[in-house]
Every structure is written in C-alpha cells, then in structure tokens.
C-alpha cells in the first residue's frame, strides 16, 4: 500500500501538483515607422494549453502616449499540425501617436484564470517601439530620377495623327491669342477691403460660437473651423502659411520667434492645438467643459496678439519696423 501511495500516478489522481504551463504571449506593431496620427496595427497573440480562461476585455483607451483607436478579440484558425490541447487567441487593435520621436508601447496587462485555481493571474506583453515621423521628411521634394525611353516601333498612322493633332493645337492657340487681343470693355470690380486681422478673427469666432454645430453634435466640424480661424489669424499677423503647418512645426516656429509670440501665448497654442488634433485625428469626443475651455483659449490668443495702435511719436525707417514688430508681441 505504501508503494502505491508513493507512485507519481497516485499524486496525479489526487490532484496535488498542477501540470498546466503558462500561456505564451507575443505582440507586434506594424509598421515600425509611421506619421503623426496614422493608425498602427497591433497584434497580440496568446497560445495556451486549454486550461486558461481570458476575459475578453477591450484595451484601455490610452497606453501612456499611445491612443487606442479600436481593439477586438479574435479566435484564429488552429494550425492543422497542432494538438487539440493547444488554444489560440489574438487581440487585433489600432494605436496612434500624436507626437514625434521614438515611442514605446508599454507592457499590457492580460488577466487569466487557471482551471482549479481560486485567484487569477496577470501576464504582460513585451514592450514595443515605433518611430513617429513628420508628414514631410528630408528628400520628399526631390525630383524622381528620369526613366529611360521605351524602345518601340511607332506605326506610320500614329505619326500622321500626331501631326494633325499638333496642327489643330497650333491653330487653336493662334485663335485664342487673336481673341485675347480684341479690344473689349473690361469691368473692373474693386476688391472688397479686408478687415484687420484682429477684427476678422474676433468676428469669425463670434459667428462660430453663436452657431449650432456643437448643439447638432458636429463636434469635428466645429474644431476644424475654430482651428482654421486661429491659424488664419497667425498667417495674417506674421505672414506665414500657418494653415498648412503641422502643430509641431507651428510650436517650433513660435519657439524660434520669442520676440513676436510670448511664452504664455505659445503654451496656450500648444494646449489648443493638441485638443483640436485629438478631435480631428483620434475621433476624441470632448465634454462640454473642454469645448468651453478651448473656445476661451482661442479668444485669449486672439486678444493677446491684438496689434497695438502706432503712436504718433513712432520713429521712421528701421526703427519704425522694429516698433511695429514690438506692437504685435502679446501683452504680458
């Protein structure tokens, strides 16, 4: 009897040791280099021996600096060469970053319950790295190398048709030149005088905030519109293409021109642009308080950058130009 009790088979029947193995968990990000706001595919693979149960909870909306756009659990097909005891699970997700540089996706906690055990266990995915770059990179504007001409025989009929087409185009060009030189009475419509930058921005903000976009739930359209108003204000004040610049490029320009933009206004702009980008690119749905705060920031930026009236004592020449730049600097 003692010999039977010492046999490992009896230990198995009594359920004393647990022969279950830990799950094998891996993760991968594709691609490893992406632009700001681009969705990046995250795949988490889980393989276990069938004795584990994973609650299929969605990933958190934010993982450090990463924004989770969507996530879902998937049960893939089991390879034919694997045994029935093997189990496979996958999490398919899309994540995005909104700042430049090398970013790290932190370890993700996955909770699992082992059969016959009272307490669940937590497993971690490995850290993953990705390189977030600007939309325009060095060399993007270079002309592509010339391609060699195709060596092919052109039938005579195409030569004739090409010559006829060239003659017709030449005749059309002559006719258009003659038509353009005909004397005609031109009606000159004087351009409508533009409002000063401050008055134009203030009027645009008042029209937008008194509208019904937010009440109708058209939040993204509202944030695109208010961002355009502020960026157009920058363009007229500083003679830059602010509407075409990324938020990072604008912050860099502000940092390089402290004599035109105070540090306080630069900080307001950073917070303002960040929320506008999250709503536009990450489908973020702000609460009413956040909407009001961002509207207030827009008014503060416009007010702080309001050009000051030029004093009659302002010197002429180079000194006058310097005084004009100083008048643009935000108060405070």
C-alpha atoms as a PDB file:
ATOM      1  CA  UNK A   1       0.000   0.000   0.000  1.00  0.00           C
ATOM      2  CA  UNK A   2       2.830   2.406   0.840  1.00  0.00           C
ATOM      3  CA  UNK A   3       4.432   1.637  -2.506  1.00  0.00           C
ATOM      4  CA  UNK A   4       1.187   2.523  -4.292  1.00  0.00           C
ATOM      5  CA  UNK A   5       0.934   5.815  -2.448  1.00  0.00           C
ATOM      6  CA  UNK A   6       4.488   6.718  -3.391  1.00  0.00           C
ATOM      7  CA  UNK A   7       3.723   6.278  -7.099  1.00  0.00           C
ATOM      8  CA  UNK A   8       3.504   9.577  -9.092  1.00  0.00           C
ATOM      9  CA  UNK A   9       0.274   8.258 -10.680  1.00  0.00           C
ATOM     10  CA  UNK A  10      -1.475   8.484  -7.315  1.00  0.00           C
ATOM     11  CA  UNK A  11      -0.226  12.002  -6.917  1.00  0.00           C
ATOM     12  CA  UNK A  12      -1.762  12.882 -10.268  1.00  0.00           C
ATOM     13  CA  UNK A  13      -5.069  11.264  -9.292  1.00  0.00           C
ATOM     14  CA  UNK A  14      -5.109  13.188  -6.022  1.00  0.00           C
ATOM     15  CA  UNK A  15      -4.515  16.434  -7.965  1.00  0.00           C
ATOM     16  CA  UNK A  16      -1.634  17.569  -5.769  1.00  0.00           C
ATOM     17  CA  UNK A  17       0.684  19.127  -8.421  1.00  0.00           C
ATOM     18  CA  UNK A  18      -0.526  21.279 -11.359  1.00  0.00           C
ATOM     19  CA  UNK A  19       0.920  20.412 -14.750  1.00  0.00           C
ATOM     20  CA  UNK A  20      -0.559  23.435 -16.567  1.00  0.00           C
ATOM     21  CA  UNK A  21       2.008  25.625 -18.318  1.00  0.00           C
ATOM     22  CA  UNK A  22       1.939  29.423 -18.527  1.00  0.00           C
ATOM     23  CA  UNK A  23       0.482  30.939 -21.704  1.00  0.00           C
ATOM     24  CA  UNK A  24       2.871  32.011 -24.453  1.00  0.00           C
ATOM     25  CA  UNK A  25       2.157  35.711 -25.210  1.00  0.00           C
ATOM     26  CA  UNK A  26       3.749  37.762 -28.006  1.00  0.00           C
ATOM     27  CA  UNK A  27       2.980  41.137 -29.624  1.00  0.00           C
ATOM     28  CA  UNK A  28       3.978  43.010 -32.777  1.00  0.00           C
ATOM     29  CA  UNK A  29       3.463  46.547 -34.180  1.00  0.00           C
ATOM     30  CA  UNK A  30       3.185  47.068 -37.944  1.00  0.00           C
ATOM     31  CA  UNK A  31       4.635  49.255 -39.357  1.00  0.00           C
ATOM     32  CA  UNK A  32       7.535  50.200 -37.102  1.00  0.00           C
ATOM     33  CA  UNK A  33       7.689  53.717 -38.654  1.00  0.00           C
ATOM     34  CA  UNK A  34       4.620  55.917 -39.184  1.00  0.00           C
ATOM     35  CA  UNK A  35       3.417  59.501 -39.456  1.00  0.00           C
ATOM     36  CA  UNK A  36       1.776  61.510 -36.687  1.00  0.00           C
ATOM     37  CA  UNK A  37      -1.806  60.310 -36.171  1.00  0.00           C
ATOM     38  CA  UNK A  38      -1.517  57.327 -38.537  1.00  0.00           C
ATOM     39  CA  UNK A  39      -3.182  54.122 -37.269  1.00  0.00           C
ATOM     40  CA  UNK A  40      -0.628  51.396 -36.493  1.00  0.00           C
ATOM     41  CA  UNK A  41      -1.696  47.729 -36.359  1.00  0.00           C
ATOM     42  CA  UNK A  42      -1.090  45.990 -33.010  1.00  0.00           C
ATOM     43  CA  UNK A  43      -1.444  42.188 -32.885  1.00  0.00           C
ATOM     44  CA  UNK A  44      -1.237  40.312 -29.555  1.00  0.00           C
ATOM     45  CA  UNK A  45      -1.029  36.508 -29.884  1.00  0.00           C
ATOM     46  CA  UNK A  46      -1.895  34.169 -26.984  1.00  0.00           C
ATOM     47  CA  UNK A  47      -1.217  30.434 -27.015  1.00  0.00           C
ATOM     48  CA  UNK A  48      -2.056  28.156 -24.074  1.00  0.00           C
ATOM     49  CA  UNK A  49      -2.767  24.525 -23.284  1.00  0.00           C
ATOM     50  CA  UNK A  50      -6.519  24.899 -22.792  1.00  0.00           C
ATOM     51  CA  UNK A  51      -6.520  25.253 -19.008  1.00  0.00           C
ATOM     52  CA  UNK A  52      -6.677  29.071 -19.049  1.00  0.00           C
ATOM     53  CA  UNK A  53      -9.632  31.443 -19.468  1.00  0.00           C
ATOM     54  CA  UNK A  54      -9.066  35.031 -20.647  1.00  0.00           C
ATOM     55  CA  UNK A  55     -11.807  37.647 -20.052  1.00  0.00           C
ATOM     56  CA  UNK A  56     -12.158  39.364 -23.431  1.00  0.00           C
ATOM     57  CA  UNK A  57     -11.939  42.947 -22.178  1.00  0.00           C
ATOM     58  CA  UNK A  58     -11.159  45.826 -24.526  1.00  0.00           C
ATOM     59  CA  UNK A  59      -7.797  47.576 -24.200  1.00  0.00           C
ATOM     60  CA  UNK A  60      -7.573  50.890 -22.348  1.00  0.00           C
ATOM     61  CA  UNK A  61      -8.176  53.989 -24.471  1.00  0.00           C
ATOM     62  CA  UNK A  62      -4.729  55.369 -23.593  1.00  0.00           C
ATOM     63  CA  UNK A  63      -1.484  53.454 -23.105  1.00  0.00           C
ATOM     64  CA  UNK A  64       0.988  56.107 -21.935  1.00  0.00           C
ATOM     65  CA  UNK A  65       1.401  58.357 -25.002  1.00  0.00           C
ATOM     66  CA  UNK A  66      -0.400  55.957 -27.356  1.00  0.00           C
ATOM     67  CA  UNK A  67      -4.075  56.363 -28.191  1.00  0.00           C
ATOM     68  CA  UNK A  68      -6.005  53.108 -28.790  1.00  0.00           C
ATOM     69  CA  UNK A  69      -8.336  53.705 -31.747  1.00  0.00           C
ATOM     70  CA  UNK A  70     -10.010  50.262 -31.627  1.00  0.00           C
ATOM     71  CA  UNK A  71      -9.453  46.732 -30.326  1.00  0.00           C
ATOM     72  CA  UNK A  72     -11.144  43.350 -30.633  1.00  0.00           C
ATOM     73  CA  UNK A  73     -10.534  39.729 -29.628  1.00  0.00           C
ATOM     74  CA  UNK A  74     -10.216  37.199 -32.442  1.00  0.00           C
ATOM     75  CA  UNK A  75     -10.114  33.402 -32.373  1.00  0.00           C
ATOM     76  CA  UNK A  76      -7.879  32.387 -35.301  1.00  0.00           C
ATOM     77  CA  UNK A  77      -7.917  29.043 -37.024  1.00  0.00           C
ATOM     78  CA  UNK A  78      -5.838  26.413 -35.212  1.00  0.00           C
ATOM     79  CA  UNK A  79      -2.959  25.076 -37.348  1.00  0.00           C
ATOM     80  CA  UNK A  80      -3.523  21.501 -38.506  1.00  0.00           C
ATOM     81  CA  UNK A  81      -0.210  20.317 -37.062  1.00  0.00           C
ATOM     82  CA  UNK A  82      -1.095  21.416 -33.519  1.00  0.00           C
ATOM     83  CA  UNK A  83      -2.788  19.167 -30.977  1.00  0.00           C
ATOM     84  CA  UNK A  84      -6.301  19.651 -29.646  1.00  0.00           C
ATOM     85  CA  UNK A  85      -4.933  20.768 -26.295  1.00  0.00           C
ATOM     86  CA  UNK A  86      -3.487  23.929 -27.803  1.00  0.00           C
ATOM     87  CA  UNK A  87      -5.622  27.073 -27.731  1.00  0.00           C
ATOM     88  CA  UNK A  88      -5.097  30.277 -29.710  1.00  0.00           C
ATOM     89  CA  UNK A  89      -6.379  33.828 -29.088  1.00  0.00           C
ATOM     90  CA  UNK A  90      -5.476  37.141 -30.694  1.00  0.00           C
ATOM     91  CA  UNK A  91      -6.173  40.795 -29.985  1.00  0.00           C
ATOM     92  CA  UNK A  92      -6.334  42.981 -33.089  1.00  0.00           C
ATOM     93  CA  UNK A  93      -6.012  46.703 -32.340  1.00  0.00           C
ATOM     94  CA  UNK A  94      -5.034  50.027 -33.910  1.00  0.00           C
ATOM     95  CA  UNK A  95      -2.986  52.605 -31.996  1.00  0.00           C
ATOM     96  CA  UNK A  96      -1.684  56.076 -32.877  1.00  0.00           C
ATOM     97  CA  UNK A  97       0.758  58.663 -31.537  1.00  0.00           C
ATOM     98  CA  UNK A  98       0.448  62.445 -31.906  1.00  0.00           C
ATOM     99  CA  UNK A  99       3.999  63.493 -31.056  1.00  0.00           C
ATOM    100  CA  UNK A 100       7.242  62.980 -32.983  1.00  0.00           C
ATOM    101  CA  UNK A 101      10.128  60.756 -31.953  1.00  0.00           C
ATOM    102  CA  UNK A 102      10.811  57.163 -30.951  1.00  0.00           C
ATOM    103  CA  UNK A 103       7.857  55.956 -28.881  1.00  0.00           C
ATOM    104  CA  UNK A 104       7.413  52.920 -26.627  1.00  0.00           C
ATOM    105  CA  UNK A 105       4.198  50.949 -26.304  1.00  0.00           C
ATOM    106  CA  UNK A 106       4.248  49.848 -22.638  1.00  0.00           C
ATOM    107  CA  UNK A 107       3.574  46.374 -21.326  1.00  0.00           C
ATOM    108  CA  UNK A 108      -0.135  45.489 -21.478  1.00  0.00           C
ATOM    109  CA  UNK A 109      -1.672  43.513 -18.612  1.00  0.00           C
ATOM    110  CA  UNK A 110      -3.721  40.440 -19.550  1.00  0.00           C
ATOM    111  CA  UNK A 111      -5.641  38.698 -16.739  1.00  0.00           C
ATOM    112  CA  UNK A 112      -6.267  34.937 -16.971  1.00  0.00           C
ATOM    113  CA  UNK A 113      -7.915  32.344 -14.744  1.00  0.00           C
ATOM    114  CA  UNK A 114      -6.390  28.880 -14.487  1.00  0.00           C
ATOM    115  CA  UNK A 115      -8.797  25.976 -14.108  1.00  0.00           C
ATOM    116  CA  UNK A 116      -8.998  24.779 -10.497  1.00  0.00           C
ATOM    117  CA  UNK A 117      -7.303  27.870  -9.072  1.00  0.00           C
ATOM    118  CA  UNK A 118      -9.106  30.414  -6.887  1.00  0.00           C
ATOM    119  CA  UNK A 119      -7.135  33.540  -7.858  1.00  0.00           C
ATOM    120  CA  UNK A 120      -6.488  34.851 -11.378  1.00  0.00           C
ATOM    121  CA  UNK A 121      -3.016  35.691 -12.677  1.00  0.00           C
ATOM    122  CA  UNK A 122      -1.742  38.658 -14.658  1.00  0.00           C
ATOM    123  CA  UNK A 123       0.568  38.313 -17.685  1.00  0.00           C
ATOM    124  CA  UNK A 124       2.388  41.134 -19.516  1.00  0.00           C
ATOM    125  CA  UNK A 125       3.043  41.677 -23.201  1.00  0.00           C
ATOM    126  CA  UNK A 126       6.546  42.793 -24.217  1.00  0.00           C
ATOM    127  CA  UNK A 127       7.360  46.487 -24.747  1.00  0.00           C
ATOM    128  CA  UNK A 128       7.299  47.559 -28.403  1.00  0.00           C
ATOM    129  CA  UNK A 129       8.983  50.514 -30.105  1.00  0.00           C
ATOM    130  CA  UNK A 130       7.843  52.645 -33.048  1.00  0.00           C
ATOM    131  CA  UNK A 131       9.305  55.693 -34.799  1.00  0.00           C
ATOM    132  CA  UNK A 132       6.825  58.576 -35.358  1.00  0.00           C
ATOM    133  CA  UNK A 133       7.959  60.995 -38.078  1.00  0.00           C
ATOM    134  CA  UNK A 134       6.620  64.207 -39.645  1.00  0.00           C
ATOM    135  CA  UNK A 135       4.466  64.145 -42.769  1.00  0.00           C
ATOM    136  CA  UNK A 136       7.260  65.773 -44.808  1.00  0.00           C
ATOM    137  CA  UNK A 137      10.689  64.229 -44.473  1.00  0.00           C
ATOM    138  CA  UNK A 138      14.024  65.212 -45.896  1.00  0.00           C
ATOM    139  CA  UNK A 139      14.200  64.369 -49.595  1.00  0.00           C
ATOM    140  CA  UNK A 140      10.423  64.231 -50.141  1.00  0.00           C
ATOM    141  CA  UNK A 141      10.553  67.152 -52.582  1.00  0.00           C
ATOM    142  CA  UNK A 142      13.395  65.780 -54.712  1.00  0.00           C
ATOM    143  CA  UNK A 143      12.629  65.110 -58.342  1.00  0.00           C
ATOM    144  CA  UNK A 144      12.397  61.438 -59.211  1.00  0.00           C
ATOM    145  CA  UNK A 145      15.197  60.087 -61.447  1.00  0.00           C
ATOM    146  CA  UNK A 146      14.493  60.156 -65.149  1.00  0.00           C
ATOM    147  CA  UNK A 147      13.275  56.911 -66.634  1.00  0.00           C
ATOM    148  CA  UNK A 148      14.617  55.522 -69.881  1.00  0.00           C
ATOM    149  CA  UNK A 149      12.546  55.793 -73.045  1.00  0.00           C
ATOM    150  CA  UNK A 150      10.730  52.738 -74.287  1.00  0.00           C
ATOM    151  CA  UNK A 151      12.273  51.264 -77.365  1.00  0.00           C
ATOM    152  CA  UNK A 152       9.272  50.539 -79.562  1.00  0.00           C
ATOM    153  CA  UNK A 153       8.339  50.998 -83.187  1.00  0.00           C
ATOM    154  CA  UNK A 154       5.662  53.657 -83.893  1.00  0.00           C
ATOM    155  CA  UNK A 155       3.311  52.783 -86.768  1.00  0.00           C
ATOM    156  CA  UNK A 156       3.089  55.436 -89.542  1.00  0.00           C
ATOM    157  CA  UNK A 157      -0.624  56.049 -88.874  1.00  0.00           C
ATOM    158  CA  UNK A 158       0.199  57.345 -85.389  1.00  0.00           C
ATOM    159  CA  UNK A 159       2.743  59.738 -86.859  1.00  0.00           C
ATOM    160  CA  UNK A 160       0.081  61.175 -89.145  1.00  0.00           C
ATOM    161  CA  UNK A 161      -2.480  61.511 -86.351  1.00  0.00           C
ATOM    162  CA  UNK A 162       0.110  63.147 -84.101  1.00  0.00           C
ATOM    163  CA  UNK A 163       0.981  65.699 -86.773  1.00  0.00           C
ATOM    164  CA  UNK A 164      -2.697  66.524 -87.326  1.00  0.00           C
ATOM    165  CA  UNK A 165      -3.230  66.973 -83.598  1.00  0.00           C
ATOM    166  CA  UNK A 166      -0.237  69.325 -83.354  1.00  0.00           C
ATOM    167  CA  UNK A 167      -1.574  71.433 -86.234  1.00  0.00           C
ATOM    168  CA  UNK A 168      -5.003  71.663 -84.621  1.00  0.00           C
ATOM    169  CA  UNK A 169      -3.488  72.710 -81.301  1.00  0.00           C
ATOM    170  CA  UNK A 170      -1.373  75.359 -83.050  1.00  0.00           C
ATOM    171  CA  UNK A 171      -4.471  76.731 -84.847  1.00  0.00           C
ATOM    172  CA  UNK A 172      -6.367  76.825 -81.546  1.00  0.00           C
ATOM    173  CA  UNK A 173      -3.506  78.699 -79.873  1.00  0.00           C
ATOM    174  CA  UNK A 174      -3.448  81.302 -82.665  1.00  0.00           C
ATOM    175  CA  UNK A 175      -7.209  81.770 -82.366  1.00  0.00           C
ATOM    176  CA  UNK A 176      -7.029  82.240 -78.604  1.00  0.00           C
ATOM    177  CA  UNK A 177      -4.240  84.821 -78.957  1.00  0.00           C
ATOM    178  CA  UNK A 178      -6.281  86.728 -81.540  1.00  0.00           C
ATOM    179  CA  UNK A 179      -9.358  86.554 -79.336  1.00  0.00           C
ATOM    180  CA  UNK A 180      -7.442  87.845 -76.308  1.00  0.00           C
ATOM    181  CA  UNK A 181      -6.141  90.875 -78.260  1.00  0.00           C
ATOM    182  CA  UNK A 182      -9.543  92.024 -79.420  1.00  0.00           C
ATOM    183  CA  UNK A 183     -10.468  95.381 -77.909  1.00  0.00           C
ATOM    184  CA  UNK A 184     -13.101  94.973 -75.265  1.00  0.00           C
ATOM    185  CA  UNK A 185     -14.504  96.944 -72.408  1.00  0.00           C
ATOM    186  CA  UNK A 186     -13.385  95.499 -69.134  1.00  0.00           C
ATOM    187  CA  UNK A 187     -15.424  95.930 -65.977  1.00  0.00           C
ATOM    188  CA  UNK A 188     -13.092  96.467 -63.055  1.00  0.00           C
ATOM    189  CA  UNK A 189     -14.610  95.374 -59.752  1.00  0.00           C
ATOM    190  CA  UNK A 190     -12.662  96.810 -56.861  1.00  0.00           C
ATOM    191  CA  UNK A 191     -11.765  94.137 -54.281  1.00  0.00           C
ATOM    192  CA  UNK A 192     -13.665  94.233 -51.046  1.00  0.00           C
ATOM    193  CA  UNK A 193     -11.384  95.681 -48.378  1.00  0.00           C
ATOM    194  CA  UNK A 194     -10.388  93.050 -45.843  1.00  0.00           C
ATOM    195  CA  UNK A 195     -10.948  93.588 -42.163  1.00  0.00           C
ATOM    196  CA  UNK A 196      -7.868  93.961 -39.950  1.00  0.00           C
ATOM    197  CA  UNK A 197      -6.635  90.568 -38.653  1.00  0.00           C
ATOM    198  CA  UNK A 198      -7.906  91.118 -35.109  1.00  0.00           C
ATOM    199  CA  UNK A 199     -11.410  92.236 -36.152  1.00  0.00           C
ATOM    200  CA  UNK A 200     -11.664  89.442 -38.739  1.00  0.00           C
ATOM    201  CA  UNK A 201     -10.687  86.738 -36.202  1.00  0.00           C
ATOM    202  CA  UNK A 202     -12.980  88.139 -33.496  1.00  0.00           C
ATOM    203  CA  UNK A 203     -15.968  88.288 -35.870  1.00  0.00           C
ATOM    204  CA  UNK A 204     -15.303  84.738 -37.117  1.00  0.00           C
ATOM    205  CA  UNK A 205     -15.134  83.379 -33.538  1.00  0.00           C
ATOM    206  CA  UNK A 206     -18.386  85.106 -32.613  1.00  0.00           C
ATOM    207  CA  UNK A 207     -20.187  83.699 -35.658  1.00  0.00           C
ATOM    208  CA  UNK A 208     -18.860  80.184 -34.973  1.00  0.00           C
ATOM    209  CA  UNK A 209     -19.645  80.101 -31.246  1.00  0.00           C
ATOM    210  CA  UNK A 210     -23.143  81.507 -31.799  1.00  0.00           C
ATOM    211  CA  UNK A 211     -23.895  78.785 -34.356  1.00  0.00           C
ATOM    212  CA  UNK A 212     -25.399  75.333 -33.843  1.00  0.00           C
ATOM    213  CA  UNK A 213     -22.544  72.953 -34.763  1.00  0.00           C
ATOM    214  CA  UNK A 214     -21.977  71.767 -31.186  1.00  0.00           C
ATOM    215  CA  UNK A 215     -25.706  71.537 -30.448  1.00  0.00           C
ATOM    216  CA  UNK A 216     -26.139  69.361 -33.550  1.00  0.00           C
ATOM    217  CA  UNK A 217     -23.294  67.074 -32.453  1.00  0.00           C
ATOM    218  CA  UNK A 218     -20.992  68.137 -35.321  1.00  0.00           C
ATOM    219  CA  UNK A 219     -18.020  68.392 -32.966  1.00  0.00           C
ATOM    220  CA  UNK A 220     -15.287  67.621 -35.525  1.00  0.00           C
ATOM    221  CA  UNK A 221     -16.561  70.348 -37.905  1.00  0.00           C
ATOM    222  CA  UNK A 222     -16.580  72.832 -35.028  1.00  0.00           C
ATOM    223  CA  UNK A 223     -12.961  72.073 -34.053  1.00  0.00           C
ATOM    224  CA  UNK A 224     -11.753  72.192 -37.672  1.00  0.00           C
ATOM    225  CA  UNK A 225     -13.423  75.611 -38.055  1.00  0.00           C
ATOM    226  CA  UNK A 226     -12.066  77.157 -34.830  1.00  0.00           C
ATOM    227  CA  UNK A 227      -8.566  75.832 -35.577  1.00  0.00           C
ATOM    228  CA  UNK A 228      -8.724  77.416 -39.057  1.00  0.00           C
ATOM    229  CA  UNK A 229      -9.739  80.776 -37.560  1.00  0.00           C
ATOM    230  CA  UNK A 230      -6.760  80.827 -35.179  1.00  0.00           C
ATOM    231  CA  UNK A 231      -4.286  79.601 -37.805  1.00  0.00           C
ATOM    232  CA  UNK A 232      -5.545  82.187 -40.359  1.00  0.00           C
ATOM    233  CA  UNK A 233      -5.044  84.843 -37.685  1.00  0.00           C
ATOM    234  CA  UNK A 234      -1.414  83.717 -37.330  1.00  0.00           C
ATOM    235  CA  UNK A 235      -0.972  83.830 -41.125  1.00  0.00           C
ATOM    236  CA  UNK A 236      -2.119  87.444 -41.400  1.00  0.00           C
ATOM    237  CA  UNK A 237      -0.217  88.655 -38.328  1.00  0.00           C
ATOM    238  CA  UNK A 238       3.141  87.012 -39.059  1.00  0.00           C
ATOM    239  CA  UNK A 239       2.944  86.491 -42.864  1.00  0.00           C
ATOM    240  CA  UNK A 240       3.369  82.687 -42.596  1.00  0.00           C
ATOM    241  CA  UNK A 241       1.439  79.723 -44.039  1.00  0.00           C
ATOM    242  CA  UNK A 242       0.052  78.651 -40.663  1.00  0.00           C
ATOM    243  CA  UNK A 243      -2.927  76.818 -42.211  1.00  0.00           C
ATOM    244  CA  UNK A 244      -0.517  74.372 -43.909  1.00  0.00           C
ATOM    245  CA  UNK A 245       1.833  73.818 -40.948  1.00  0.00           C
ATOM    246  CA  UNK A 246       1.598  70.863 -38.569  1.00  0.00           C
ATOM    247  CA  UNK A 247       1.152  71.548 -34.870  1.00  0.00           C
ATOM    248  CA  UNK A 248       4.776  70.544 -34.259  1.00  0.00           C
ATOM    249  CA  UNK A 249       6.050  72.911 -36.984  1.00  0.00           C
ATOM    250  CA  UNK A 250       3.989  75.757 -35.514  1.00  0.00           C
ATOM    251  CA  UNK A 251       5.355  75.161 -31.997  1.00  0.00           C
ATOM    252  CA  UNK A 252       8.873  75.195 -33.437  1.00  0.00           C
ATOM    253  CA  UNK A 253       8.210  78.489 -35.238  1.00  0.00           C
ATOM    254  CA  UNK A 254       6.868  80.055 -32.026  1.00  0.00           C
ATOM    255  CA  UNK A 255       9.944  78.889 -30.119  1.00  0.00           C
ATOM    256  CA  UNK A 256      12.203  80.471 -32.796  1.00  0.00           C
ATOM    257  CA  UNK A 257      10.369  83.844 -32.655  1.00  0.00           C
ATOM    258  CA  UNK A 258      10.074  84.768 -28.953  1.00  0.00           C
ATOM    259  CA  UNK A 259      10.132  88.465 -29.908  1.00  0.00           C
ATOM    260  CA  UNK A 260       6.799  88.013 -31.711  1.00  0.00           C
ATOM    261  CA  UNK A 261       4.993  85.472 -29.502  1.00  0.00           C
ATOM    262  CA  UNK A 262       5.186  85.411 -25.705  1.00  0.00           C
ATOM    263  CA  UNK A 263       5.784  82.162 -23.829  1.00  0.00           C
ATOM    264  CA  UNK A 264       2.277  82.386 -22.362  1.00  0.00           C
ATOM    265  CA  UNK A 265       0.639  82.510 -25.818  1.00  0.00           C
ATOM    266  CA  UNK A 266       2.872  79.673 -27.041  1.00  0.00           C
ATOM    267  CA  UNK A 267       1.689  77.482 -24.144  1.00  0.00           C
ATOM    268  CA  UNK A 268      -1.964  78.336 -24.849  1.00  0.00           C
ATOM    269  CA  UNK A 269      -1.442  77.446 -28.505  1.00  0.00           C
ATOM    270  CA  UNK A 270       0.105  74.065 -27.604  1.00  0.00           C
ATOM    271  CA  UNK A 271      -2.890  73.057 -25.449  1.00  0.00           C
ATOM    272  CA  UNK A 272      -5.350  74.441 -28.038  1.00  0.00           C
ATOM    273  CA  UNK A 273      -3.751  72.590 -30.970  1.00  0.00           C
ATOM    274  CA  UNK A 274      -3.441  69.326 -29.007  1.00  0.00           C
ATOM    275  CA  UNK A 275      -7.187  69.136 -28.325  1.00  0.00           C
ATOM    276  CA  UNK A 276      -8.025  70.129 -31.928  1.00  0.00           C
ATOM    277  CA  UNK A 277      -5.743  67.339 -33.243  1.00  0.00           C
ATOM    278  CA  UNK A 278      -7.254  64.739 -30.906  1.00  0.00           C
ATOM    279  CA  UNK A 279     -10.774  65.569 -32.064  1.00  0.00           C
ATOM    280  CA  UNK A 280      -9.799  65.668 -35.753  1.00  0.00           C
ATOM    281  CA  UNK A 281      -7.459  62.683 -35.980  1.00  0.00           C
ATOM    282  CA  UNK A 282      -8.261  60.449 -32.980  1.00  0.00           C
ATOM    283  CA  UNK A 283     -12.067  60.841 -33.015  1.00  0.00           C
ATOM    284  CA  UNK A 284     -11.918  62.148 -29.447  1.00  0.00           C
ATOM    285  CA  UNK A 285     -15.294  63.319 -28.094  1.00  0.00           C
ATOM    286  CA  UNK A 286     -14.670  66.192 -25.632  1.00  0.00           C
ATOM    287  CA  UNK A 287     -17.105  67.091 -22.876  1.00  0.00           C
ATOM    288  CA  UNK A 288     -18.876  70.461 -22.747  1.00  0.00           C
ATOM    289  CA  UNK A 289     -16.353  71.896 -20.268  1.00  0.00           C
ATOM    290  CA  UNK A 290     -13.446  71.065 -22.612  1.00  0.00           C
ATOM    291  CA  UNK A 291     -15.262  72.755 -25.504  1.00  0.00           C
ATOM    292  CA  UNK A 292     -15.733  75.935 -23.467  1.00  0.00           C
ATOM    293  CA  UNK A 293     -12.103  75.926 -22.303  1.00  0.00           C
ATOM    294  CA  UNK A 294     -10.807  75.623 -25.869  1.00  0.00           C
ATOM    295  CA  UNK A 295     -13.101  78.437 -27.063  1.00  0.00           C
ATOM    296  CA  UNK A 296     -11.750  80.607 -24.224  1.00  0.00           C
ATOM    297  CA  UNK A 297      -8.172  79.770 -25.274  1.00  0.00           C
ATOM    298  CA  UNK A 298      -8.929  80.880 -28.835  1.00  0.00           C
ATOM    299  CA  UNK A 299     -10.290  84.220 -27.593  1.00  0.00           C
ATOM    300  CA  UNK A 300      -7.276  84.650 -25.276  1.00  0.00           C
ATOM    301  CA  UNK A 301      -4.813  84.006 -28.133  1.00  0.00           C
ATOM    302  CA  UNK A 302      -6.574  86.497 -30.416  1.00  0.00           C
ATOM    303  CA  UNK A 303      -6.761  89.116 -27.651  1.00  0.00           C
ATOM    304  CA  UNK A 304      -3.144  88.729 -26.507  1.00  0.00           C
ATOM    305  CA  UNK A 305      -1.821  89.036 -30.083  1.00  0.00           C
ATOM    306  CA  UNK A 306      -4.001  92.087 -30.871  1.00  0.00           C
ATOM    307  CA  UNK A 307      -1.796  94.670 -32.657  1.00  0.00           C
ATOM    308  CA  UNK A 308      -1.393  97.832 -30.607  1.00  0.00           C
ATOM    309  CA  UNK A 309      -2.083 101.241 -32.214  1.00  0.00           C
ATOM    310  CA  UNK A 310       1.034 103.000 -33.551  1.00  0.00           C
ATOM    311  CA  UNK A 311       1.986 106.098 -31.559  1.00  0.00           C
ATOM    312  CA  UNK A 312       2.499 109.402 -33.465  1.00  0.00           C
ATOM    313  CA  UNK A 313       5.982 109.514 -31.954  1.00  0.00           C
ATOM    314  CA  UNK A 314       6.979 106.230 -33.636  1.00  0.00           C
ATOM    315  CA  UNK A 315      10.332 106.778 -35.461  1.00  0.00           C
ATOM    316  CA  UNK A 316      10.564 106.211 -39.205  1.00  0.00           C
ATOM    317  CA  UNK A 317      12.757 103.785 -41.148  1.00  0.00           C
ATOM    318  CA  UNK A 318      14.238 100.736 -39.462  1.00  0.00           C
ATOM    319  CA  UNK A 319      13.155 101.937 -36.011  1.00  0.00           C
ATOM    320  CA  UNK A 320       9.555 102.084 -37.200  1.00  0.00           C
ATOM    321  CA  UNK A 321       9.735  98.472 -38.423  1.00  0.00           C
ATOM    322  CA  UNK A 322      11.103  97.354 -35.067  1.00  0.00           C
ATOM    323  CA  UNK A 323       8.325  99.213 -33.282  1.00  0.00           C
ATOM    324  CA  UNK A 324       5.724  97.507 -35.494  1.00  0.00           C
ATOM    325  CA  UNK A 325       7.084  94.064 -34.551  1.00  0.00           C
ATOM    326  CA  UNK A 326       7.025  95.000 -30.868  1.00  0.00           C
ATOM    327  CA  UNK A 327       3.369  96.026 -31.193  1.00  0.00           C
ATOM    328  CA  UNK A 328       2.489  92.505 -32.350  1.00  0.00           C
ATOM    329  CA  UNK A 329       4.042  90.876 -29.275  1.00  0.00           C
ATOM    330  CA  UNK A 330       1.404  89.566 -26.855  1.00  0.00           C
ATOM    331  CA  UNK A 331       0.786  91.617 -23.785  1.00  0.00           C
ATOM    332  CA  UNK A 332       2.231  90.230 -20.550  1.00  0.00           C
END
